[in-house]
Amino acid sequence: MKLYGYNLSLASFRVRIAFALKGIDREDAYLDLLKGDQFEPEFQKLNPQMVVPALITDEAQVIGQSMAILEYLDETHPEPPLLPGDAGGRARVRQLAQIAIADCHPLVVPRIRKYLTATLGHTEDELLAWIRHWMGLANDAIEAILGDGQAGKYAHGSQVTLADLCLIPQVAGSQRFKCDMSGTPNLMKLFETCMAEDAFMAAHAKNQPDFQAP
């Protein structure tokens, strides 16, 4: 399999965790989203949405969108599973994951940030306020759900699930934009727990070959 990604991409981070957790080999292709590599005709032909990650499977199928890739990997490499065995647990895990990846992350990706500044003329300070506002709302909601008594060592019980794969990049992104995390102790405890494990640390942006320190 071949994975197109970018070190700072939160969506790519999610997928890298899954590969590491499941011990799946892959070839990496690195795109610099800030330079616009994703708009090159070759990649646009591969993934018309022009975003990362994009996965080319061993059967030469191209899969875009991190959730679709995560579900594909979980179905084709079921150990360890990323979803609980019960319907209620699966719903809770998906709820947590989707707060991060469906409600928050789409509002702060590079193409949205560029549109706000280059097209609509907002300042960098206004952009940062936008990012912190939406990430803060998501983090507060996640924090409340993590406090419902169903979290254990991880976001849902004692096993890593899809929720952890989505929440850890959410925190990493929040830290990158210097969001106030003082009101989210449950979320930060989860982040510390997961980042102490090899699969999560190996997937972090700073440990990718294309990472360049600011």
Protein backbone atom coordinates (compact mmCIF):
# COMPACT_ATOMS: atom_id res chain seq x y z
CA MET A 1 0.00 0.00 0.00
CA LYS A 2 1.05 3.57 -0.65
CA LEU A 3 -0.02 6.47 1.56
CA TYR A 4 0.05 10.07 0.42
CA GLY A 5 0.26 12.37 3.41
CA TYR A 6 1.79 15.42 5.05
CA ASN A 7 3.52 15.52 8.40
CA LEU A 8 1.35 18.30 9.87
CA SER A 9 -1.92 16.94 8.50
CA LEU A 10 -4.13 15.86 11.39
CA ALA A 11 -6.00 13.50 9.07
CA SER A 12 -2.73 11.87 8.01
CA PHE A 13 -1.75 11.59 11.68
CA ARG A 14 -4.91 9.53 12.37
CA VAL A 15 -4.12 7.12 9.58
CA ARG A 16 -0.44 6.80 10.52
CA ILE A 17 -1.49 5.75 14.02
CA ALA A 18 -3.67 2.99 12.59
CA PHE A 19 -0.85 1.68 10.40
CA ALA A 20 1.52 1.64 13.37
CA LEU A 21 -1.01 0.13 15.75
CA LYS A 22 -1.86 -2.69 13.37
CA GLY A 23 1.70 -3.22 12.18
CA ILE A 24 0.85 -2.71 8.49
CA ASP A 25 3.67 -1.97 6.06
CA ARG A 26 3.29 0.88 3.58
CA GLU A 27 5.16 3.12 1.19
CA ASP A 28 4.96 6.84 1.93
CA ALA A 29 4.62 9.73 -0.51
CA TYR A 30 5.02 13.18 1.01
CA LEU A 31 3.12 16.26 -0.11
CA ASP A 32 3.75 19.75 1.24
CA LEU A 33 0.27 21.22 1.61
CA LEU A 34 1.58 24.69 2.41
CA LYS A 35 3.47 24.74 -0.89
CA GLY A 36 0.46 23.44 -2.81
CA ASP A 37 1.78 20.01 -3.84
CA GLN A 38 -1.77 18.66 -3.52
CA PHE A 39 -2.86 20.79 -6.50
CA GLU A 40 -0.38 19.23 -8.92
CA PRO A 41 -2.19 17.54 -11.86
CA GLU A 42 -0.75 14.13 -11.06
CA PHE A 43 -2.18 14.12 -7.55
CA GLN A 44 -5.43 15.77 -8.62
CA LYS A 45 -5.97 12.91 -11.03
CA LEU A 46 -5.36 10.47 -8.18
CA ASN A 47 -7.58 12.28 -5.68
CA PRO A 48 -9.94 14.85 -7.24
CA GLN A 49 -10.59 16.45 -3.84
CA MET A 50 -6.88 17.36 -3.66
CA VAL A 51 -6.48 16.60 0.04
CA VAL A 52 -4.53 14.12 2.13
CA PRO A 53 -4.42 11.41 3.14
CA ALA A 54 -4.97 9.28 0.10
CA LEU A 55 -4.30 5.56 0.12
CA ILE A 56 -3.53 3.30 -2.81
CA THR A 57 -4.38 -0.23 -1.75
CA ASP A 58 -2.61 -3.39 -2.87
CA GLU A 59 -5.51 -3.85 -5.30
CA ALA A 60 -4.77 -0.38 -6.78
CA GLN A 61 -7.94 1.17 -5.36
CA VAL A 62 -7.57 4.80 -4.32
CA ILE A 63 -9.25 5.73 -1.03
CA GLY A 64 -9.52 9.32 0.15
CA GLN A 65 -10.80 10.67 3.47
CA SER A 66 -9.22 9.50 6.70
CA MET A 67 -12.34 7.85 8.12
CA ALA A 68 -12.81 5.75 5.00
CA ILE A 69 -9.16 4.71 5.17
CA LEU A 70 -9.40 3.87 8.87
CA GLU A 71 -12.48 1.74 8.32
CA TYR A 72 -10.83 0.00 5.36
CA LEU A 73 -7.74 -0.82 7.43
CA ASP A 74 -9.87 -2.07 10.31
CA GLU A 75 -11.91 -4.33 8.04
CA THR A 76 -8.93 -5.74 6.14
CA HIS A 77 -6.63 -5.98 9.19
CA PRO A 78 -9.05 -6.56 12.08
CA GLU A 79 -6.49 -6.95 14.87
CA PRO A 80 -6.45 -5.03 17.06
CA PRO A 81 -10.01 -3.82 16.41
CA LEU A 82 -10.70 -0.10 16.40
CA LEU A 83 -14.35 -0.35 17.46
CA PRO A 84 -15.96 -1.90 20.58
CA GLY A 85 -18.04 -5.05 20.31
CA ASP A 86 -21.33 -3.47 21.38
CA ALA A 87 -23.53 -1.10 19.42
CA GLY A 88 -23.70 1.51 22.16
CA GLY A 89 -19.93 1.54 22.52
CA ARG A 90 -19.42 1.87 18.79
CA ALA A 91 -21.83 4.81 18.70
CA ARG A 92 -20.00 6.58 21.52
CA VAL A 93 -16.62 6.05 19.87
CA ARG A 94 -17.92 7.35 16.55
CA GLN A 95 -19.46 10.37 18.29
CA LEU A 96 -16.15 11.33 19.84
CA ALA A 97 -14.29 10.77 16.57
CA GLN A 98 -16.73 12.81 14.52
CA ILE A 99 -16.64 15.83 16.82
CA ALA A 100 -12.96 16.12 15.95
CA ILE A 101 -12.91 15.08 12.32
CA ALA A 102 -16.30 16.23 11.01
CA ASP A 103 -17.26 19.29 13.07
CA CYS A 104 -13.92 20.86 13.96
CA HIS A 105 -11.09 19.84 11.68
CA PRO A 106 -12.74 20.90 8.38
CA LEU A 107 -12.87 24.49 9.67
CA VAL A 108 -9.12 24.81 10.26
CA VAL A 109 -7.46 22.99 7.34
CA PRO A 110 -4.98 24.89 5.11
CA ARG A 111 -7.41 25.54 2.27
CA ILE A 112 -9.90 27.15 4.68
CA ARG A 113 -7.20 29.20 6.36
CA LYS A 114 -5.96 30.42 3.00
CA TYR A 115 -9.48 31.35 1.89
CA LEU A 116 -10.06 33.35 5.06
CA THR A 117 -6.85 35.33 4.67
CA ALA A 118 -6.07 35.49 0.95
CA THR A 119 -9.64 35.72 -0.39
CA LEU A 120 -11.67 37.28 2.43
CA GLY A 121 -8.83 39.45 3.69
CA HIS A 122 -8.80 38.46 7.35
CA THR A 123 -5.66 39.14 9.35
CA GLU A 124 -3.49 36.46 10.90
CA ASP A 125 -4.79 37.47 14.32
CA GLU A 126 -8.38 37.05 13.14
CA LEU A 127 -7.50 33.70 11.62
CA LEU A 128 -5.96 32.52 14.89
CA ALA A 129 -9.06 33.64 16.79
CA TRP A 130 -11.21 31.64 14.32
CA ILE A 131 -9.10 28.51 14.80
CA ARG A 132 -9.04 28.76 18.58
CA HIS A 133 -12.80 29.37 18.72
CA TRP A 134 -13.77 26.22 16.80
CA MET A 135 -11.11 24.00 18.30
CA GLY A 136 -12.06 25.21 21.76
CA LEU A 137 -15.73 24.37 21.28
CA ALA A 138 -14.82 20.88 20.06
CA ASN A 139 -12.40 20.30 22.92
CA ASP A 140 -15.00 21.36 25.48
CA ALA A 141 -17.57 18.94 24.05
CA ILE A 142 -15.04 16.10 23.96
CA GLU A 143 -14.02 16.85 27.53
CA ALA A 144 -17.62 16.59 28.71
CA ILE A 145 -18.14 13.24 27.00
CA LEU A 146 -14.87 11.85 28.33
CA GLY A 147 -16.21 12.63 31.81
CA ASP A 148 -19.32 10.47 31.40
CA GLY A 149 -17.83 7.49 33.20
CA GLN A 150 -17.26 5.30 30.12
CA ALA A 151 -13.65 6.29 29.54
CA GLY A 152 -10.96 4.12 31.06
CA LYS A 153 -7.29 4.17 30.24
CA TYR A 154 -8.38 5.31 26.79
CA ALA A 155 -11.32 7.30 25.44
CA HIS A 156 -13.58 4.25 25.66
CA GLY A 157 -12.58 1.66 28.20
CA SER A 158 -9.25 -0.13 28.34
CA GLN A 159 -8.57 -0.63 24.62
CA VAL A 160 -7.47 1.85 21.97
CA THR A 161 -10.34 2.71 19.64
CA LEU A 162 -11.10 4.90 16.69
CA ALA A 163 -11.85 7.69 19.15
CA ASP A 164 -8.25 7.78 20.38
CA LEU A 165 -6.93 7.84 16.82
CA CYS A 166 -9.01 10.97 16.17
CA LEU A 167 -8.68 12.75 19.52
CA ILE A 168 -4.90 12.62 19.80
CA PRO A 169 -4.37 14.55 16.53
CA GLN A 170 -7.09 16.96 17.72
CA VAL A 171 -4.97 17.77 20.76
CA ALA A 172 -1.79 18.01 18.67
CA GLY A 173 -3.52 20.54 16.42
CA SER A 174 -4.78 22.48 19.42
CA GLN A 175 -1.25 22.65 20.79
CA ARG A 176 0.10 23.82 17.44
CA PHE A 177 -2.26 26.79 17.50
CA LYS A 178 -1.68 27.38 21.22
CA CYS A 179 -5.26 26.79 22.25
CA ASP A 180 -6.05 27.02 25.95
CA MET A 181 -6.26 23.43 27.19
CA SER A 182 -6.49 24.24 30.89
CA GLY A 183 -10.18 23.32 30.98
CA THR A 184 -9.76 19.88 29.42
CA PRO A 185 -7.92 17.70 31.97
CA ASN A 186 -9.53 14.46 30.79
CA LEU A 187 -8.53 15.12 27.19
CA MET A 188 -4.98 16.06 28.16
CA LYS A 189 -4.63 12.96 30.35
CA LEU A 190 -5.72 10.86 27.38
CA PHE A 191 -3.18 12.61 25.17
CA GLU A 192 -0.36 11.94 27.62
CA THR A 193 -1.38 8.29 27.96
CA CYS A 194 -1.53 7.66 24.23
CA MET A 195 1.60 9.61 23.35
CA ALA A 196 3.56 7.42 25.76
CA GLU A 197 2.88 4.49 23.41
CA ASP A 198 5.04 3.66 20.41
CA ALA A 199 2.26 3.61 17.79
CA PHE A 200 1.14 7.14 18.63
CA MET A 201 4.61 8.59 19.02
CA ALA A 202 5.82 7.06 15.75
CA ALA A 203 2.89 8.69 13.94
CA HIS A 204 3.46 12.20 15.34
CA ALA A 205 4.39 14.92 12.86
CA LYS A 206 7.82 15.50 14.39
CA ASN A 207 8.78 11.88 13.72
CA GLN A 208 7.99 11.96 10.01
CA PRO A 209 10.78 12.14 7.40
CA ASP A 210 9.21 15.25 5.82
CA PHE A 211 9.01 17.18 9.11
CA GLN A 212 10.78 20.52 9.23
CA ALA A 213 10.98 22.34 12.55
CA PRO A 214 9.51 25.86 12.35
